Amino acid sequence: MDKLIIKGSADLRGEISIKGSKNSALPIMVSALLSENTLKLSNIPKLDDIKNMSLLLRNYGAIIKSNGANLELNCKKIVNRDADYDVVRKMRASVLILGPLLARFGKAKISLPGGCAIGTRPIDIHLDGLKKLGANFTVENGYVVGEVNNQLIGNHIKLSFPSVGATENIMMAAVRAQGKTIIENAAMEPEIVDLVDSLNKMGSKINISNKGIIKITGVKKLTKSNHKILSDRIVAGTFIIAAVMLNKKFKVKEVEPQNLKALISSLKMMGANIKIEKNIIHILPTTKLNGIKIQTSPYPGFPTDLQAQMMALMSLAEGNSQIKENIFENRFMHVPELNRLGAKIKVQKDMAYITGSRNFKGAQVMASDLRASVSLVLAALCAEGESEINRVYHLDRGYEKIENTLGKLGPSIKRKKY
């Protein structure tokens, strides 16, 4: 197992280019199951989740060729197998194979998914939507078994919550269903739009509105296509917050600023000095940061995936801050570890109360999930002395080796085995 050794009072200089989004790449990779033709993807990030998804798809017989940031997937000769628990337990996105397999084979069996331990994250919304397309489900010995009597049939589906995964799963199934499907209260995240863009390049007929409505007309077959993965707004946001915390002049490049409006607005409210230029975000030093109140919510609201990083920043700002977590019921697992580094944060149910003007001090801490782990990295960079962050395999699921990205731009970040 790996750990990171981070020296505090870090420098940060220059610029960083943002690679493709994990949360966009994973469902688009899965969408290859819908087609007998080749899907070529570019701007693929080098992450453990990408490796695990490739392993899962290969288990079904997918032929995958990888060349740097390019990935070529062909699922012409796939076979319908049980989704292996050892792979599925490692990432939540595995459940997305349900829709495509049901559409292609009329039957699917996968282990209940894993991923980060940030809440129960039930897949009920996925199953309810797929049921309305004609699938029937049972749960047997930790596996979800789905069957379709004949063919999936388009339907009008209103989601109880705008779940990103459920929207993706239902939408992919509907692409090969007979007739028209309408999804109401659908998730509107940029990663959803990217999946729609890729599916339409494959020959799907999908129309998405900004009112949370997605209309799909089913097609019988899909064509070969090429698609460039959207840049990762969460990684971009993380590095923007890092620069604000370190109070350094820094550039974050190859990013879509419109996808980070909620973050940028919140940072400016705190007093951060941020300038936007097309696909570049400039962070400039500032004299003072103030505490604020935020709450997480589905896009275009403040993303839950940046909540932990924001909490680390709030600990340095003057005055007190508050965060209300509306998406996941157990996403404050980083709080005890940030407190070990010198933060003063109290949690009551879905509320976190952050005391500002704290000084982080180096300590040994342990990562509990993907975004929690990077919040500890940010705090450690600002701390006095040296910190050790254990269980960084969580970090590697969503950030390319941070010692080789951010670590090359001033901070001292070293990886060691333990």
Protein backbone atom coordinates (compact mmCIF):
# COMPACT_ATOMS: atom_id res chain seq x y z
CA MET A 1 0.00 0.00 0.00
CA ASP A 2 1.21 3.54 -0.79
CA LYS A 3 1.40 6.69 1.27
CA LEU A 4 2.31 10.28 0.42
CA ILE A 5 4.92 12.30 2.28
CA ILE A 6 4.15 16.00 1.87
CA LYS A 7 6.22 18.95 3.03
CA GLY A 8 4.16 21.92 4.16
CA SER A 9 4.50 25.63 3.39
CA ALA A 10 4.63 24.54 -0.23
CA ASP A 11 5.46 26.63 -3.24
CA LEU A 12 3.28 26.52 -6.35
CA ARG A 13 4.17 28.01 -9.69
CA GLY A 14 3.44 27.87 -13.38
CA GLU A 15 0.43 26.15 -14.89
CA ILE A 16 -1.31 22.81 -15.19
CA SER A 17 -3.39 21.36 -18.02
CA ILE A 18 -6.49 19.39 -17.09
CA LYS A 19 -6.98 15.92 -18.55
CA GLY A 20 -10.22 14.14 -19.37
CA SER A 21 -12.96 13.63 -16.81
CA LYS A 22 -13.16 10.28 -15.01
CA ASN A 23 -16.88 10.76 -14.46
CA SER A 24 -17.33 11.35 -18.17
CA ALA A 25 -14.96 8.67 -19.46
CA LEU A 26 -16.41 5.77 -17.44
CA PRO A 27 -20.01 5.88 -18.75
CA ILE A 28 -18.80 6.60 -22.28
CA MET A 29 -16.55 3.53 -22.11
CA VAL A 30 -19.56 1.50 -20.94
CA SER A 31 -21.64 2.84 -23.85
CA ALA A 32 -19.39 0.85 -26.19
CA LEU A 33 -21.37 -2.23 -25.04
CA LEU A 34 -24.36 -0.90 -26.99
CA SER A 35 -22.61 -1.13 -30.34
CA GLU A 36 -21.12 -3.78 -32.61
CA ASN A 37 -18.81 -1.09 -34.02
CA THR A 38 -15.62 0.54 -32.76
CA LEU A 39 -15.64 3.52 -30.41
CA LYS A 40 -12.45 5.60 -30.37
CA LEU A 41 -11.91 7.89 -27.41
CA SER A 42 -9.25 10.53 -26.77
CA ASN A 43 -8.24 12.58 -23.73
CA ILE A 44 -8.57 9.55 -21.44
CA PRO A 45 -7.04 10.12 -17.98
CA LYS A 46 -4.56 7.63 -16.49
CA LEU A 47 -6.51 6.51 -13.44
CA ASP A 48 -7.17 3.31 -11.52
CA ASP A 49 -10.90 3.58 -12.25
CA ILE A 50 -10.18 3.61 -15.98
CA LYS A 51 -8.00 0.49 -15.60
CA ASN A 52 -10.72 -1.26 -13.61
CA MET A 53 -13.43 -0.37 -16.13
CA SER A 54 -11.22 -1.69 -18.94
CA LEU A 55 -10.76 -4.91 -16.96
CA LEU A 56 -14.52 -5.22 -16.44
CA LEU A 57 -15.30 -4.67 -20.13
CA ARG A 58 -12.58 -7.12 -21.20
CA ASN A 59 -14.23 -9.68 -18.93
CA TYR A 60 -17.22 -9.47 -21.27
CA GLY A 61 -15.05 -9.94 -24.34
CA ALA A 62 -14.49 -6.31 -25.29
CA ILE A 63 -11.36 -5.73 -27.36
CA ILE A 64 -9.64 -2.63 -25.95
CA LYS A 65 -6.53 -1.00 -27.36
CA SER A 66 -4.81 1.69 -25.32
CA ASN A 67 -2.25 4.18 -26.58
CA GLY A 68 -1.45 6.98 -24.16
CA ALA A 69 -4.56 9.13 -23.79
CA ASN A 70 -6.34 7.24 -26.58
CA LEU A 71 -8.60 4.25 -26.14
CA GLU A 72 -10.24 2.07 -28.79
CA LEU A 73 -13.11 -0.20 -27.77
CA ASN A 74 -14.83 -2.88 -29.84
CA CYS A 75 -17.69 -4.88 -28.32
CA LYS A 76 -18.79 -6.81 -31.41
CA LYS A 77 -18.10 -10.21 -29.88
CA ILE A 78 -19.05 -9.67 -26.25
CA VAL A 79 -20.67 -12.40 -24.20
CA ASN A 80 -23.12 -11.94 -21.35
CA ARG A 81 -21.39 -13.01 -18.14
CA ASP A 82 -21.86 -12.26 -14.47
CA ALA A 83 -20.07 -9.04 -13.52
CA ASP A 84 -17.22 -10.14 -11.26
CA TYR A 85 -17.46 -8.94 -7.65
CA ASP A 86 -13.72 -8.32 -7.36
CA VAL A 87 -13.93 -5.65 -10.07
CA VAL A 88 -17.40 -4.26 -9.37
CA ARG A 89 -16.72 -3.67 -5.67
CA LYS A 90 -13.91 -1.24 -6.53
CA MET A 91 -16.01 1.36 -8.32
CA ARG A 92 -19.56 2.59 -8.30
CA ALA A 93 -19.68 3.12 -12.07
CA SER A 94 -19.79 -0.64 -12.65
CA VAL A 95 -23.58 -0.56 -12.21
CA LEU A 96 -23.78 1.34 -15.52
CA ILE A 97 -23.30 -1.90 -17.47
CA LEU A 98 -26.83 -2.95 -16.46
CA GLY A 99 -28.66 -0.78 -18.99
CA PRO A 100 -26.51 -1.62 -22.02
CA LEU A 101 -26.49 -5.37 -21.26
CA LEU A 102 -30.27 -5.47 -20.83
CA ALA A 103 -30.67 -3.58 -24.10
CA ARG A 104 -28.31 -5.89 -25.97
CA PHE A 105 -29.04 -9.29 -24.39
CA GLY A 106 -32.28 -8.92 -22.45
CA LYS A 107 -30.53 -10.28 -19.35
CA ALA A 108 -27.81 -9.06 -16.96
CA LYS A 109 -26.36 -10.11 -13.62
CA ILE A 110 -23.97 -7.91 -11.68
CA SER A 111 -22.70 -7.75 -8.13
CA LEU A 112 -24.03 -4.87 -6.04
CA PRO A 113 -21.52 -2.07 -6.71
CA GLY A 114 -18.84 -0.61 -4.45
CA GLY A 115 -16.72 2.53 -4.71
CA CYS A 116 -16.21 5.16 -2.02
CA ALA A 117 -17.66 4.67 1.45
CA ILE A 118 -19.51 7.99 1.43
CA GLY A 119 -23.04 6.74 1.98
CA THR A 120 -25.47 4.04 1.00
CA ARG A 121 -25.98 5.40 -2.53
CA PRO A 122 -28.78 2.95 -3.35
CA ILE A 123 -29.35 1.92 -6.96
CA ASP A 124 -33.14 1.97 -6.54
CA ILE A 125 -33.49 4.90 -8.94
CA HIS A 126 -31.55 2.97 -11.60
CA LEU A 127 -33.73 -0.11 -11.18
CA ASP A 128 -37.02 1.81 -11.03
CA GLY A 129 -36.23 3.55 -14.32
CA LEU A 130 -35.13 0.34 -16.05
CA LYS A 131 -38.28 -1.40 -14.80
CA LYS A 132 -40.35 1.22 -16.61
CA LEU A 133 -38.53 0.21 -19.81
CA GLY A 134 -39.64 -3.39 -19.26
CA ALA A 135 -36.92 -4.97 -17.12
CA ASN A 136 -37.62 -7.12 -14.06
CA PHE A 137 -35.14 -7.44 -11.18
CA THR A 138 -34.36 -9.75 -8.32
CA VAL A 139 -31.51 -9.61 -5.80
CA GLU A 140 -29.79 -12.94 -5.18
CA ASN A 141 -26.78 -13.47 -2.91
CA GLY A 142 -25.49 -9.94 -3.36
CA TYR A 143 -26.16 -9.88 -7.12
CA VAL A 144 -28.72 -7.86 -9.08
CA VAL A 145 -30.35 -10.03 -11.76
CA GLY A 146 -32.27 -8.27 -14.52
CA GLU A 147 -34.37 -9.80 -17.31
CA VAL A 148 -36.46 -8.46 -20.18
CA ASN A 149 -39.33 -10.53 -21.58
CA ASN A 150 -38.73 -9.53 -25.18
CA GLN A 151 -37.30 -6.07 -25.83
CA LEU A 152 -37.01 -2.88 -23.83
CA ILE A 153 -39.86 -0.49 -24.69
CA GLY A 154 -39.63 3.29 -24.47
CA ASN A 155 -41.59 4.98 -21.69
CA HIS A 156 -42.07 8.23 -19.79
CA ILE A 157 -39.86 8.18 -16.69
CA LYS A 158 -39.72 10.78 -13.94
CA LEU A 159 -36.78 10.35 -11.59
CA SER A 160 -37.38 10.85 -7.86
CA PHE A 161 -33.96 12.56 -7.68
CA PRO A 162 -31.71 13.80 -10.52
CA SER A 163 -29.21 10.97 -10.05
CA VAL A 164 -26.28 11.14 -12.47
CA GLY A 165 -25.74 7.37 -12.58
CA ALA A 166 -29.43 6.56 -12.96
CA THR A 167 -29.81 9.11 -15.76
CA GLU A 168 -26.84 7.56 -17.59
CA ASN A 169 -28.00 3.98 -17.09
CA ILE A 170 -31.58 4.59 -18.20
CA MET A 171 -30.51 6.75 -21.12
CA MET A 172 -28.11 4.11 -22.47
CA ALA A 173 -30.77 1.40 -22.18
CA ALA A 174 -33.31 3.62 -23.95
CA VAL A 175 -30.94 4.14 -26.90
CA ARG A 176 -31.59 0.52 -28.03
CA ALA A 177 -35.19 0.33 -26.77
CA GLN A 178 -38.18 0.29 -29.09
CA GLY A 179 -39.93 3.65 -29.44
CA LYS A 180 -39.47 6.89 -27.53
CA THR A 181 -38.34 7.50 -23.97
CA ILE A 182 -38.64 10.71 -21.97
CA ILE A 183 -36.64 11.15 -18.77
CA GLU A 184 -37.88 13.93 -16.50
CA ASN A 185 -35.93 15.39 -13.56
CA ALA A 186 -32.80 14.02 -15.23
CA ALA A 187 -29.33 15.02 -14.08
CA MET A 188 -27.89 17.91 -16.09
CA GLU A 189 -24.20 17.59 -15.16
CA PRO A 190 -21.67 18.38 -17.92
CA GLU A 191 -20.71 14.69 -17.89
CA ILE A 192 -24.29 13.82 -18.89
CA VAL A 193 -24.08 16.24 -21.80
CA ASP A 194 -20.76 14.68 -22.82
CA LEU A 195 -22.31 11.19 -22.81
CA VAL A 196 -25.21 12.46 -24.93
CA ASP A 197 -22.74 14.03 -27.37
CA SER A 198 -20.80 10.77 -27.68
CA LEU A 199 -23.94 8.62 -28.05
CA ASN A 200 -25.29 10.89 -30.77
CA LYS A 201 -21.98 10.57 -32.65
CA MET A 202 -22.56 6.79 -32.46
CA GLY A 203 -25.95 7.22 -34.16
CA SER A 204 -28.27 7.68 -31.18
CA LYS A 205 -31.16 10.10 -31.31
CA ILE A 206 -31.08 12.02 -28.05
CA ASN A 207 -32.27 15.52 -27.31
CA ILE A 208 -31.42 17.15 -23.99
CA SER A 209 -32.94 20.33 -22.60
CA ASN A 210 -31.70 22.53 -19.77
CA LYS A 211 -34.99 21.91 -17.96
CA GLY A 212 -33.98 18.42 -16.90
CA ILE A 213 -35.76 16.63 -19.75
CA ILE A 214 -34.05 14.09 -22.02
CA LYS A 215 -35.84 12.63 -25.03
CA ILE A 216 -34.53 9.46 -26.68
CA THR A 217 -35.76 7.77 -29.82
CA GLY A 218 -34.53 4.17 -29.88
CA VAL A 219 -32.38 2.92 -32.75
CA LYS A 220 -31.65 -0.60 -33.97
CA LYS A 221 -27.91 -0.22 -34.40
CA LEU A 222 -25.06 2.18 -33.78
CA THR A 223 -22.10 3.18 -35.93
CA LYS A 224 -18.38 3.59 -35.33
CA SER A 225 -17.38 6.97 -33.97
CA ASN A 226 -14.72 9.16 -32.37
CA HIS A 227 -15.09 11.31 -29.27
CA LYS A 228 -12.85 13.51 -27.11
CA ILE A 229 -13.59 13.27 -23.38
CA LEU A 230 -14.58 16.46 -21.59
CA SER A 231 -11.96 17.94 -19.26
CA ASP A 232 -12.35 17.10 -15.56
CA ARG A 233 -14.05 20.00 -13.77
CA ILE A 234 -13.49 18.41 -10.33
CA VAL A 235 -9.73 18.02 -10.85
CA ALA A 236 -9.66 21.58 -12.23
CA GLY A 237 -11.59 22.84 -9.21
CA THR A 238 -9.23 21.02 -6.85
CA PHE A 239 -6.16 22.70 -8.33
CA ILE A 240 -7.88 26.10 -8.33
CA ILE A 241 -8.61 25.68 -4.61
CA ALA A 242 -5.00 24.57 -4.03
CA ALA A 243 -3.70 27.79 -5.60
CA VAL A 244 -6.12 29.91 -3.55
CA MET A 245 -5.07 28.13 -0.34
CA LEU A 246 -1.37 28.60 -1.09
CA ASN A 247 -2.08 32.19 -2.25
CA LYS A 248 0.01 31.76 -5.40
CA LYS A 249 -0.16 33.00 -8.96
CA PHE A 250 -1.17 29.97 -11.01
CA LYS A 251 -2.92 28.96 -14.25
CA VAL A 252 -5.34 26.08 -14.75
CA LYS A 253 -5.59 25.37 -18.49
CA GLU A 254 -7.78 23.32 -20.84
CA VAL A 255 -10.84 23.74 -18.65
CA GLU A 256 -14.45 24.79 -19.34
CA PRO A 257 -15.02 27.71 -16.91
CA GLN A 258 -18.79 27.61 -17.48
CA ASN A 259 -18.83 24.18 -15.81
CA LEU A 260 -17.29 25.66 -12.65
CA LYS A 261 -19.56 28.66 -12.14
CA ALA A 262 -20.72 27.61 -8.67
CA LEU A 263 -17.16 27.11 -7.43
CA ILE A 264 -15.81 30.30 -8.98
CA SER A 265 -18.72 32.31 -7.60
CA SER A 266 -18.14 30.90 -4.10
CA LEU A 267 -14.39 31.58 -4.24
CA LYS A 268 -14.96 35.16 -5.36
CA MET A 269 -17.43 35.63 -2.48
CA MET A 270 -14.61 34.56 -0.16
CA GLY A 271 -12.34 37.18 -1.71
CA ALA A 272 -10.28 35.04 -4.08
CA ASN A 273 -8.68 36.84 -7.02
CA ILE A 274 -9.70 34.85 -10.10
CA LYS A 275 -9.64 35.85 -13.76
CA ILE A 276 -11.12 33.86 -16.64
CA GLU A 277 -9.74 33.74 -20.18
CA LYS A 278 -11.48 31.33 -22.57
CA ASN A 279 -10.25 27.90 -21.44
CA ILE A 280 -7.84 29.22 -18.81
CA ILE A 281 -8.50 30.17 -15.21
CA HIS A 282 -5.95 32.51 -13.62
CA ILE A 283 -5.54 32.48 -9.84
CA LEU A 284 -3.80 35.53 -8.39
CA PRO A 285 -2.69 36.29 -4.82
CA THR A 286 -5.13 38.05 -2.53
CA THR A 287 -4.85 39.85 0.79
CA LYS A 288 -7.78 38.30 2.64
CA LEU A 289 -10.23 35.41 2.45
CA ASN A 290 -13.54 35.41 4.33
CA GLY A 291 -15.72 32.55 5.50
CA ILE A 292 -19.00 31.83 3.67
CA LYS A 293 -21.95 29.45 3.75
CA ILE A 294 -22.52 26.95 0.94
CA GLN A 295 -24.64 23.89 0.30
CA THR A 296 -24.08 21.09 -2.18
CA SER A 297 -26.73 20.36 -4.79
CA PRO A 298 -27.06 18.82 -8.26
CA TYR A 299 -25.56 20.76 -11.16
CA PRO A 300 -25.47 23.71 -11.63
CA GLY A 301 -25.26 23.95 -7.83
CA PHE A 302 -22.09 23.54 -5.80
CA PRO A 303 -20.69 20.05 -6.50
CA THR A 304 -20.47 17.57 -3.65
CA ASP A 305 -17.18 16.38 -5.19
CA LEU A 306 -15.57 19.72 -4.24
CA GLN A 307 -17.04 19.94 -0.74
CA ALA A 308 -14.05 18.40 1.09
CA GLN A 309 -11.53 20.59 -0.75
CA MET A 310 -13.61 23.69 0.01
CA MET A 311 -13.71 22.73 3.70
CA ALA A 312 -9.90 22.70 3.82
CA LEU A 313 -9.85 26.21 2.31
CA MET A 314 -12.53 27.47 4.72
CA SER A 315 -10.32 26.43 7.65
CA LEU A 316 -7.76 29.02 6.53
CA ALA A 317 -10.21 31.84 5.78
CA GLU A 318 -11.05 34.53 8.35
CA GLY A 319 -14.32 34.04 10.17
CA ASN A 320 -16.53 30.99 10.30
CA SER A 321 -18.03 28.97 7.45
CA GLN A 322 -20.79 26.43 7.03
CA ILE A 323 -21.39 23.60 4.58
CA LYS A 324 -24.69 21.78 4.18
CA GLU A 325 -24.28 18.43 2.41
CA ASN A 326 -27.44 17.60 0.45
CA ILE A 327 -26.22 14.77 -1.80
CA PHE A 328 -24.58 12.07 0.35
CA GLU A 329 -25.42 11.38 3.98
CA ASN A 330 -21.92 10.29 4.99
CA ARG A 331 -19.63 12.69 3.20
CA PHE A 332 -17.94 14.29 6.18
CA MET A 333 -15.53 11.41 6.80
CA HIS A 334 -12.59 13.75 6.13
CA VAL A 335 -13.50 15.98 9.09
CA PRO A 336 -11.66 14.01 11.84
CA GLU A 337 -8.54 13.85 9.63
CA LEU A 338 -8.63 17.58 8.82
CA ASN A 339 -9.01 18.20 12.55
CA ARG A 340 -5.88 16.10 13.14
CA LEU A 341 -4.07 18.55 10.88
CA GLY A 342 -5.29 21.49 12.95
CA ALA A 343 -8.72 22.33 11.60
CA LYS A 344 -11.61 23.00 13.96
CA ILE A 345 -14.72 21.53 12.39
CA LYS A 346 -17.89 20.26 14.03
CA VAL A 347 -20.51 18.14 12.29
CA GLN A 348 -24.20 17.94 13.12
CA LYS A 349 -26.11 15.64 10.79
CA ASP A 350 -25.81 17.20 7.30
CA MET A 351 -24.14 20.41 8.51
CA ALA A 352 -20.44 21.14 9.00
CA TYR A 353 -19.38 24.20 11.01
CA ILE A 354 -15.87 25.37 10.19
CA THR A 355 -13.88 27.71 12.39
CA GLY A 356 -11.57 29.89 10.31
CA SER A 357 -8.09 31.34 10.75
CA ARG A 358 -6.62 27.93 11.61
CA ASN A 359 -3.00 26.93 11.07
CA PHE A 360 -2.53 23.44 9.70
CA LYS A 361 0.30 21.41 11.22
CA GLY A 362 1.85 18.27 9.80
CA ALA A 363 0.48 14.95 11.02
CA GLN A 364 -0.24 11.37 9.99
CA VAL A 365 -3.69 11.05 8.48
CA MET A 366 -5.71 8.46 6.61
CA ALA A 367 -7.80 8.88 3.46
CA SER A 368 -11.36 7.53 3.63
CA ASP A 369 -12.55 8.23 0.08
CA LEU A 370 -11.49 9.88 -3.17
CA ARG A 371 -12.31 13.55 -2.52
CA ALA A 372 -11.52 13.30 1.18
CA SER A 373 -8.01 12.16 0.29
CA VAL A 374 -7.28 15.18 -1.87
CA SER A 375 -8.60 17.57 0.80
CA LEU A 376 -5.91 16.15 3.09
CA VAL A 377 -3.30 16.74 0.38
CA LEU A 378 -4.37 20.39 0.11
CA ALA A 379 -4.27 20.88 3.88
CA ALA A 380 -0.85 19.18 4.10
CA LEU A 381 0.55 21.51 1.43
CA CYS A 382 -0.38 24.48 3.64
CA ALA A 383 0.73 22.93 6.93
CA GLU A 384 3.77 23.63 9.07
CA GLY A 385 6.08 20.64 8.83
CA GLU A 386 5.63 17.26 7.17
CA SER A 387 2.50 15.14 6.76
CA GLU A 388 1.91 11.50 5.88
CA ILE A 389 -1.27 10.55 4.07
CA ASN A 390 -2.07 6.84 4.15
CA ARG A 391 -4.37 4.76 1.90
CA VAL A 392 -3.84 6.96 -1.14
CA TYR A 393 -5.27 4.30 -3.45
CA HIS A 394 -8.46 6.31 -3.04
CA LEU A 395 -6.66 9.33 -4.51
CA ASP A 396 -5.37 7.34 -7.49
CA ARG A 397 -8.95 6.54 -8.51
CA GLY A 398 -9.56 10.14 -9.55
CA TYR A 399 -6.22 11.99 -9.78
CA GLU A 400 -3.31 11.07 -12.00
CA LYS A 401 -0.29 10.46 -9.74
CA ILE A 402 -0.40 13.77 -7.90
CA GLU A 403 3.33 13.66 -7.15
CA ASN A 404 3.92 13.78 -10.92
CA THR A 405 1.36 16.49 -11.69
CA LEU A 406 1.03 19.02 -8.88
CA GLY A 407 4.29 17.75 -7.38
CA LYS A 408 6.28 18.97 -10.39
CA LEU A 409 5.08 22.56 -9.92
CA GLY A 410 6.72 23.42 -6.61
CA PRO A 411 5.28 21.20 -3.85
CA SER A 412 7.36 18.39 -2.35
CA ILE A 413 5.18 15.26 -2.64
CA LYS A 414 6.76 11.83 -2.43
CA ARG A 415 5.16 8.40 -2.67
CA LYS A 416 6.36 5.53 -0.49
CA LYS A 417 5.31 1.93 0.15
CA TYR A 418 4.29 0.85 3.63
